[in-house]
Amino acid sequence: MRLVHPQNRKVLEAGPGVRMELLAWGNTVMEPHLFRIAPQAGSGESYAHEGEEFLFLLRGELKIALADEEYSLKRRRQFLF
């Protein structure tokens, strides 16, 4: 895996108000992306793919539907390590 500095990131507009930046490339098991989602923006229609997802919310709130269930995610103010 190769680290991708901010100025070299591949950027995709994944819909109105949804910007996706590729954080690493190469032979990776998981593809790390940084999503910047404007208020009230979304992915549009639902979709599915093989593999796993990992979400880490930096700020704000995100509503996501998984397997016909909707979740409302919020950033935690502290970590319990």
N, C-alpha and C. Protein backbone atom coordinates (compact mmCIF):
# COMPACT_ATOMS: atom_id res chain seq x y z
N MET A 1 0.84 -1.17 0.00
CA MET A 1 0.00 0.00 0.00
C MET A 1 0.89 1.23 0.00
N ARG A 2 0.45 2.25 -0.69
CA ARG A 2 1.20 3.49 -0.79
C ARG A 2 0.40 4.64 -0.20
N LEU A 3 1.02 5.44 0.66
CA LEU A 3 0.39 6.61 1.22
C LEU A 3 0.19 7.64 0.11
N VAL A 4 -0.97 8.27 0.11
CA VAL A 4 -1.26 9.29 -0.89
C VAL A 4 -1.42 10.63 -0.17
N HIS A 5 -0.52 11.56 -0.44
CA HIS A 5 -0.58 12.88 0.18
C HIS A 5 -1.77 13.67 -0.37
N PRO A 6 -2.34 14.58 0.42
CA PRO A 6 -3.55 15.30 0.00
C PRO A 6 -3.48 15.91 -1.40
N GLN A 7 -2.36 16.47 -1.76
CA GLN A 7 -2.25 17.12 -3.07
C GLN A 7 -2.22 16.10 -4.22
N ASN A 8 -2.00 14.81 -3.91
CA ASN A 8 -1.92 13.77 -4.95
C ASN A 8 -3.11 12.82 -4.95
N ARG A 9 -4.11 13.08 -4.13
CA ARG A 9 -5.25 12.18 -4.03
C ARG A 9 -6.12 12.22 -5.28
N LYS A 10 -6.59 11.05 -5.67
CA LYS A 10 -7.57 10.98 -6.74
C LYS A 10 -8.91 11.39 -6.14
N VAL A 11 -9.59 12.33 -6.77
CA VAL A 11 -10.85 12.86 -6.26
C VAL A 11 -11.97 12.50 -7.22
N LEU A 12 -13.05 11.97 -6.67
CA LEU A 12 -14.23 11.64 -7.46
C LEU A 12 -15.43 12.38 -6.91
N GLU A 13 -16.22 12.94 -7.76
CA GLU A 13 -17.49 13.53 -7.35
C GLU A 13 -18.50 12.39 -7.45
N ALA A 14 -18.96 11.90 -6.29
CA ALA A 14 -19.82 10.72 -6.24
C ALA A 14 -21.30 11.10 -6.24
N GLY A 15 -21.62 12.27 -6.70
CA GLY A 15 -22.98 12.76 -6.74
C GLY A 15 -23.00 14.20 -6.26
N PRO A 16 -24.11 14.89 -6.41
CA PRO A 16 -24.19 16.28 -5.96
C PRO A 16 -23.91 16.40 -4.47
N GLY A 17 -22.87 17.14 -4.11
CA GLY A 17 -22.53 17.35 -2.71
C GLY A 17 -21.76 16.22 -2.06
N VAL A 18 -21.32 15.24 -2.85
CA VAL A 18 -20.57 14.10 -2.30
C VAL A 18 -19.23 14.02 -3.01
N ARG A 19 -18.16 14.24 -2.25
CA ARG A 19 -16.79 14.20 -2.79
C ARG A 19 -16.04 13.06 -2.11
N MET A 20 -15.38 12.24 -2.89
CA MET A 20 -14.65 11.08 -2.37
C MET A 20 -13.17 11.21 -2.75
N GLU A 21 -12.29 11.06 -1.77
CA GLU A 21 -10.85 11.13 -2.01
C GLU A 21 -10.23 9.78 -1.66
N LEU A 22 -9.43 9.24 -2.56
CA LEU A 22 -8.74 7.97 -2.35
C LEU A 22 -7.52 8.21 -1.47
N LEU A 23 -7.46 7.57 -0.30
CA LEU A 23 -6.38 7.80 0.66
C LEU A 23 -5.18 6.88 0.47
N ALA A 24 -5.34 5.80 -0.26
CA ALA A 24 -4.23 4.88 -0.53
C ALA A 24 -4.55 4.11 -1.79
N TRP A 25 -3.52 3.61 -2.45
CA TRP A 25 -3.77 2.75 -3.59
C TRP A 25 -2.69 1.69 -3.65
N GLY A 26 -2.90 0.74 -4.49
CA GLY A 26 -1.96 -0.37 -4.60
C GLY A 26 -2.64 -1.66 -4.19
N ASN A 27 -1.88 -2.59 -3.69
CA ASN A 27 -2.41 -3.89 -3.28
C ASN A 27 -2.98 -3.76 -1.87
N THR A 28 -4.23 -3.32 -1.76
CA THR A 28 -4.86 -3.12 -0.46
C THR A 28 -6.00 -4.11 -0.28
N VAL A 29 -6.23 -4.52 0.96
CA VAL A 29 -7.37 -5.37 1.28
C VAL A 29 -8.61 -4.49 1.43
N MET A 30 -8.44 -3.35 2.06
CA MET A 30 -9.53 -2.40 2.23
C MET A 30 -9.13 -1.11 1.52
N GLU A 31 -10.07 -0.48 0.85
CA GLU A 31 -9.80 0.77 0.15
C GLU A 31 -10.21 1.94 1.03
N PRO A 32 -9.25 2.66 1.61
CA PRO A 32 -9.61 3.79 2.47
C PRO A 32 -9.97 5.02 1.63
N HIS A 33 -11.12 5.60 1.94
CA HIS A 33 -11.60 6.80 1.26
C HIS A 33 -11.98 7.85 2.29
N LEU A 34 -11.84 9.09 1.91
CA LEU A 34 -12.33 10.21 2.70
C LEU A 34 -13.53 10.77 1.95
N PHE A 35 -14.69 10.74 2.59
CA PHE A 35 -15.89 11.30 1.98
C PHE A 35 -16.18 12.65 2.62
N ARG A 36 -16.48 13.62 1.79
CA ARG A 36 -16.94 14.93 2.26
C ARG A 36 -18.36 15.07 1.72
N ILE A 37 -19.32 15.05 2.64
CA ILE A 37 -20.73 15.03 2.25
C ILE A 37 -21.39 16.31 2.74
N ALA A 38 -21.93 17.07 1.80
CA ALA A 38 -22.62 18.31 2.14
C ALA A 38 -23.93 18.00 2.86
N PRO A 39 -24.41 18.94 3.69
CA PRO A 39 -25.70 18.73 4.35
C PRO A 39 -26.80 18.41 3.34
N GLN A 40 -27.62 17.44 3.67
CA GLN A 40 -28.75 16.98 2.85
C GLN A 40 -28.33 16.24 1.57
N ALA A 41 -27.04 16.03 1.34
CA ALA A 41 -26.57 15.30 0.16
C ALA A 41 -26.57 13.80 0.48
N GLY A 42 -26.53 12.98 -0.55
CA GLY A 42 -26.51 11.54 -0.33
C GLY A 42 -26.09 10.81 -1.59
N SER A 43 -26.09 9.51 -1.51
CA SER A 43 -25.65 8.68 -2.63
C SER A 43 -26.75 8.43 -3.65
N GLY A 44 -27.94 8.92 -3.39
CA GLY A 44 -29.04 8.67 -4.32
C GLY A 44 -29.66 7.32 -4.05
N GLU A 45 -29.73 6.52 -5.07
CA GLU A 45 -30.32 5.19 -4.92
C GLU A 45 -29.38 4.26 -4.16
N SER A 46 -29.97 3.24 -3.54
CA SER A 46 -29.16 2.29 -2.80
C SER A 46 -28.36 1.40 -3.75
N TYR A 47 -27.30 0.82 -3.24
CA TYR A 47 -26.46 -0.07 -4.02
C TYR A 47 -25.85 -1.11 -3.09
N ALA A 48 -25.30 -2.15 -3.65
CA ALA A 48 -24.66 -3.21 -2.86
C ALA A 48 -23.36 -3.61 -3.53
N HIS A 49 -22.44 -4.15 -2.73
CA HIS A 49 -21.18 -4.64 -3.26
C HIS A 49 -20.62 -5.69 -2.31
N GLU A 50 -19.68 -6.47 -2.80
CA GLU A 50 -19.01 -7.47 -1.98
C GLU A 50 -18.00 -6.76 -1.09
N GLY A 51 -17.78 -7.29 0.09
CA GLY A 51 -16.75 -6.74 0.97
C GLY A 51 -17.35 -6.12 2.22
N GLU A 52 -16.48 -5.47 2.97
CA GLU A 52 -16.86 -4.88 4.25
C GLU A 52 -16.74 -3.36 4.17
N GLU A 53 -17.38 -2.70 5.11
CA GLU A 53 -17.30 -1.25 5.21
C GLU A 53 -16.82 -0.88 6.61
N PHE A 54 -16.10 0.21 6.70
CA PHE A 54 -15.67 0.77 7.97
C PHE A 54 -15.93 2.26 7.89
N LEU A 55 -16.69 2.79 8.84
CA LEU A 55 -17.00 4.22 8.86
C LEU A 55 -16.43 4.85 10.12
N PHE A 56 -15.80 6.00 9.98
CA PHE A 56 -15.31 6.78 11.10
C PHE A 56 -15.77 8.21 10.85
N LEU A 57 -16.69 8.69 11.63
CA LEU A 57 -17.28 10.00 11.43
C LEU A 57 -16.44 11.06 12.13
N LEU A 58 -15.95 12.04 11.37
CA LEU A 58 -15.13 13.10 11.94
C LEU A 58 -15.97 14.21 12.55
N ARG A 59 -17.08 14.54 11.90
CA ARG A 59 -17.99 15.54 12.45
C ARG A 59 -19.35 15.41 11.79
N GLY A 60 -20.33 15.96 12.45
CA GLY A 60 -21.68 15.94 11.90
C GLY A 60 -22.44 14.67 12.24
N GLU A 61 -23.41 14.38 11.40
CA GLU A 61 -24.28 13.22 11.57
C GLU A 61 -24.49 12.59 10.20
N LEU A 62 -24.60 11.27 10.18
CA LEU A 62 -24.78 10.54 8.93
C LEU A 62 -25.89 9.52 9.10
N LYS A 63 -26.83 9.51 8.18
CA LYS A 63 -27.87 8.49 8.18
C LYS A 63 -27.52 7.50 7.08
N ILE A 64 -27.55 6.22 7.43
CA ILE A 64 -27.17 5.18 6.48
C ILE A 64 -28.14 4.01 6.62
N ALA A 65 -28.48 3.40 5.50
CA ALA A 65 -29.37 2.23 5.50
C ALA A 65 -28.55 1.00 5.15
N LEU A 66 -28.66 -0.03 5.98
CA LEU A 66 -27.97 -1.30 5.76
C LEU A 66 -28.97 -2.43 5.95
N ALA A 67 -29.08 -3.28 4.96
CA ALA A 67 -29.97 -4.44 5.05
C ALA A 67 -31.36 -4.04 5.53
N ASP A 68 -31.94 -3.04 4.90
CA ASP A 68 -33.30 -2.57 5.19
C ASP A 68 -33.47 -1.97 6.58
N GLU A 69 -32.38 -1.61 7.26
CA GLU A 69 -32.45 -0.92 8.54
C GLU A 69 -31.71 0.40 8.41
N GLU A 70 -32.26 1.46 9.00
CA GLU A 70 -31.62 2.76 8.93
C GLU A 70 -30.95 3.09 10.26
N TYR A 71 -29.74 3.64 10.18
CA TYR A 71 -28.97 4.01 11.36
C TYR A 71 -28.62 5.49 11.28
N SER A 72 -28.60 6.14 12.41
CA SER A 72 -28.18 7.52 12.50
C SER A 72 -26.87 7.55 13.29
N LEU A 73 -25.79 7.92 12.63
CA LEU A 73 -24.47 7.93 13.26
C LEU A 73 -24.09 9.35 13.64
N LYS A 74 -23.48 9.48 14.82
CA LYS A 74 -22.98 10.77 15.27
C LYS A 74 -21.55 10.60 15.75
N ARG A 75 -20.78 11.66 15.64
CA ARG A 75 -19.40 11.64 16.10
C ARG A 75 -19.37 11.52 17.61
N ARG A 76 -18.50 10.67 18.11
CA ARG A 76 -18.31 10.55 19.57
C ARG A 76 -17.37 11.64 20.03
N ARG A 77 -17.63 12.18 21.17
CA ARG A 77 -16.79 13.27 21.71
C ARG A 77 -15.52 12.73 22.35
N GLN A 78 -15.50 11.48 22.78
CA GLN A 78 -14.32 10.92 23.40
C GLN A 78 -14.18 9.46 23.01
N PHE A 79 -13.00 8.94 23.14
CA PHE A 79 -12.73 7.55 22.82
C PHE A 79 -12.52 6.78 24.11
N LEU A 80 -12.98 5.56 24.13
CA LEU A 80 -12.84 4.72 25.31
C LEU A 80 -11.78 3.67 25.04
N PHE A 81 -10.53 3.98 25.20
CA PHE A 81 -9.44 3.05 24.99
C PHE A 81 -8.87 2.60 26.31
